[in-house]
């Protein structure tokens, strides 16, 4: 089998471009310190109700920041309504007991998948007071449409 001269040129050009692209991508990832995610927190979904702080979900003011522990369960978030301060970083720590859920705060960049056995977290600083709706965007069963909560920012 013979390869035409133009095919050889284009193959050489394509492979060369691919090597240059991957080299630049690898170099910039190394130079900027990108690494695979590590330190994944896990929890036994059957023990969520017995392990602190999940046995008492809610808002914990740590001074310079606020931690909010939330449990997703059958068509509900626990707690269903809570208050956080405006202008202070709020870290949401969320788990689920049963199936895959989503934790999305409408009007913000907070959007997490809740997978049984894993702890997910996101930090957000609310700039304006008000009421923010929390929704589950992952279909989780027949009562999915009622799975919501509310964040009051004061």
Protein backbone atom coordinates (compact mmCIF):
# COMPACT_ATOMS: atom_id res chain seq x y z
CA UNK A 1 0.00 0.00 0.00
CA UNK A 2 1.38 3.35 -0.95
CA UNK A 3 0.55 6.67 0.66
CA UNK A 4 0.27 9.67 -1.57
CA UNK A 5 2.72 12.51 -0.96
CA UNK A 6 -0.05 14.97 0.05
CA UNK A 7 -1.44 12.45 2.55
CA UNK A 8 2.00 12.16 4.14
CA UNK A 9 2.24 15.95 4.41
CA UNK A 10 -1.18 16.27 6.04
CA UNK A 11 -0.57 13.33 8.40
CA UNK A 12 2.76 14.85 9.45
CA UNK A 13 1.13 18.26 9.94
CA UNK A 14 -1.79 16.78 11.94
CA UNK A 15 0.37 14.65 14.20
CA UNK A 16 2.80 17.54 14.71
CA UNK A 17 -0.05 19.91 15.63
CA UNK A 18 -1.41 17.33 18.09
CA UNK A 19 1.99 16.94 19.75
CA UNK A 20 2.41 20.72 20.03
CA UNK A 21 -1.11 21.12 21.48
CA UNK A 22 -0.64 18.36 24.08
CA UNK A 23 2.80 19.68 25.01
CA UNK A 24 1.45 23.19 25.61
CA UNK A 25 -1.49 21.81 27.59
CA UNK A 26 0.77 19.65 29.74
CA UNK A 27 3.30 22.42 30.33
CA UNK A 28 0.67 24.98 31.38
CA UNK A 29 -1.03 22.46 33.69
CA UNK A 30 2.31 21.72 35.33
CA UNK A 31 3.35 25.39 35.51
CA UNK A 32 0.04 26.43 37.12
CA UNK A 33 0.14 23.56 39.61
CA UNK A 34 -2.96 21.71 38.42
CA UNK A 35 -3.35 18.32 40.06
CA UNK A 36 -6.09 15.71 40.17
CA UNK A 37 -8.62 16.23 42.97
CA UNK A 38 -7.55 14.64 46.21
CA UNK A 39 -8.81 14.26 49.72
CA UNK A 40 -12.28 13.11 48.73
CA UNK A 41 -14.40 12.84 51.85
CA UNK A 42 -16.62 9.79 52.14
CA UNK A 43 -19.33 8.77 54.59
CA UNK A 44 -21.48 5.68 54.99
CA UNK A 45 -24.98 6.81 53.89
CA UNK A 46 -26.58 4.54 56.50
CA UNK A 47 -24.67 6.26 59.33
CA UNK A 48 -25.36 9.90 58.39
CA UNK A 49 -27.86 10.32 61.23
CA UNK A 50 -25.31 9.13 63.80
CA UNK A 51 -22.14 10.92 62.68
CA UNK A 52 -21.39 14.51 63.72
CA UNK A 53 -22.03 17.10 62.30
CA UNK A 54 -24.55 15.35 60.03
CA UNK A 55 -26.64 14.26 63.03
CA UNK A 56 -27.38 17.97 63.66
CA UNK A 57 -27.39 19.66 60.23
CA UNK A 58 -27.58 23.43 60.19
CA UNK A 59 -25.58 26.65 60.29
CA UNK A 60 -22.34 26.91 62.28
CA UNK A 61 -20.74 30.36 62.56
CA UNK A 62 -16.95 29.94 62.81
CA UNK A 63 -16.14 33.67 63.11
CA UNK A 64 -14.60 34.58 59.76
CA UNK A 65 -16.61 32.00 57.85
CA UNK A 66 -19.86 30.07 58.11
CA UNK A 67 -20.29 26.32 57.62
CA UNK A 68 -23.69 24.96 56.60
CA UNK A 69 -24.25 21.19 56.86
CA UNK A 70 -27.11 19.91 54.70
CA UNK A 71 -28.53 16.42 54.24
CA UNK A 72 -30.45 15.55 51.07
CA UNK A 73 -33.03 12.84 51.50
CA UNK A 74 -36.29 11.64 50.00
CA UNK A 75 -37.75 14.81 48.43
CA UNK A 76 -36.36 17.17 51.10
CA UNK A 77 -33.31 19.01 52.33
CA UNK A 78 -32.52 19.07 56.04
CA UNK A 79 -32.54 21.85 57.20
CA UNK A 80 -35.28 23.14 54.94
CA UNK A 81 -34.77 26.82 55.80
CA UNK A 82 -31.79 28.59 57.32
CA UNK A 83 -30.15 32.01 57.65
CA UNK A 84 -26.62 33.07 56.72
CA UNK A 85 -24.92 36.48 56.95
CA UNK A 86 -24.30 38.70 53.95
CA UNK A 87 -20.66 39.34 52.95
CA UNK A 88 -19.19 36.38 54.82
CA UNK A 89 -17.91 33.23 53.04
CA UNK A 90 -20.39 30.38 53.45
CA UNK A 91 -19.23 26.81 52.87
CA UNK A 92 -22.02 24.36 52.10
CA UNK A 93 -21.22 20.75 53.07
CA UNK A 94 -23.82 18.40 51.61
CA UNK A 95 -24.49 14.67 51.66
CA UNK A 96 -27.36 12.42 50.66
CA UNK A 97 -28.78 9.36 52.36
CA UNK A 98 -30.58 7.66 49.52
CA UNK A 99 -30.21 8.47 45.81
CA UNK A 100 -28.38 11.01 43.64
CA UNK A 101 -29.64 14.55 44.20
CA UNK A 102 -28.50 17.99 43.13
CA UNK A 103 -27.95 21.02 45.36
CA UNK A 104 -28.42 24.21 43.37
CA UNK A 105 -28.88 27.70 44.80
CA UNK A 106 -30.77 29.70 42.20
CA UNK A 107 -29.04 32.94 41.19
CA UNK A 108 -25.60 31.86 42.43
CA UNK A 109 -22.73 29.67 41.20
CA UNK A 110 -23.46 26.96 43.78
CA UNK A 111 -24.34 23.74 41.97
CA UNK A 112 -23.33 20.35 43.39
CA UNK A 113 -24.16 16.73 42.72
CA UNK A 114 -24.97 14.80 45.87
CA UNK A 115 -23.96 11.17 45.54
CA UNK A 116 -24.58 8.64 48.33
CA UNK A 117 -21.36 7.98 50.22
CA UNK A 118 -19.60 11.23 49.28
CA UNK A 119 -19.38 14.64 50.94
CA UNK A 120 -19.58 17.54 48.52
CA UNK A 121 -18.81 21.15 49.36
CA UNK A 122 -18.94 24.60 47.77
CA UNK A 123 -18.11 28.05 49.11
CA UNK A 124 -20.01 31.17 48.18
CA UNK A 125 -20.16 34.73 49.53
CA UNK A 126 -23.59 36.32 49.26
CA UNK A 127 -23.23 39.97 48.24
CA UNK A 128 -26.87 41.01 48.70
CA UNK A 129 -29.44 40.14 51.36
CA UNK A 130 -32.57 38.32 50.32
CA UNK A 131 -34.15 34.93 49.96
CA UNK A 132 -32.51 32.33 47.72
CA UNK A 133 -34.18 29.15 46.53
CA UNK A 134 -32.39 25.79 46.74
CA UNK A 135 -33.50 23.20 44.20
CA UNK A 136 -32.74 19.61 43.30
CA UNK A 137 -32.01 19.55 39.56
CA UNK A 138 -31.44 15.80 39.40
CA UNK A 139 -34.59 13.71 38.98
CA UNK A 140 -34.83 11.69 42.19
CA UNK A 141 -38.29 10.15 42.07
CA UNK A 142 -42.02 10.87 41.99
CA UNK A 143 -41.85 13.78 44.48
CA UNK A 144 -38.81 15.44 42.91
CA UNK A 145 -40.69 18.66 42.12
CA UNK A 146 -41.26 19.40 45.84
CA UNK A 147 -37.59 19.02 46.83
CA UNK A 148 -36.56 22.56 47.68
CA UNK A 149 -35.25 24.68 50.53
CA UNK A 150 -34.60 28.34 51.26
CA UNK A 151 -31.54 30.36 52.26
CA UNK A 152 -32.27 33.68 53.98
CA UNK A 153 -29.34 36.10 53.67
CA UNK A 154 -29.31 38.93 56.23
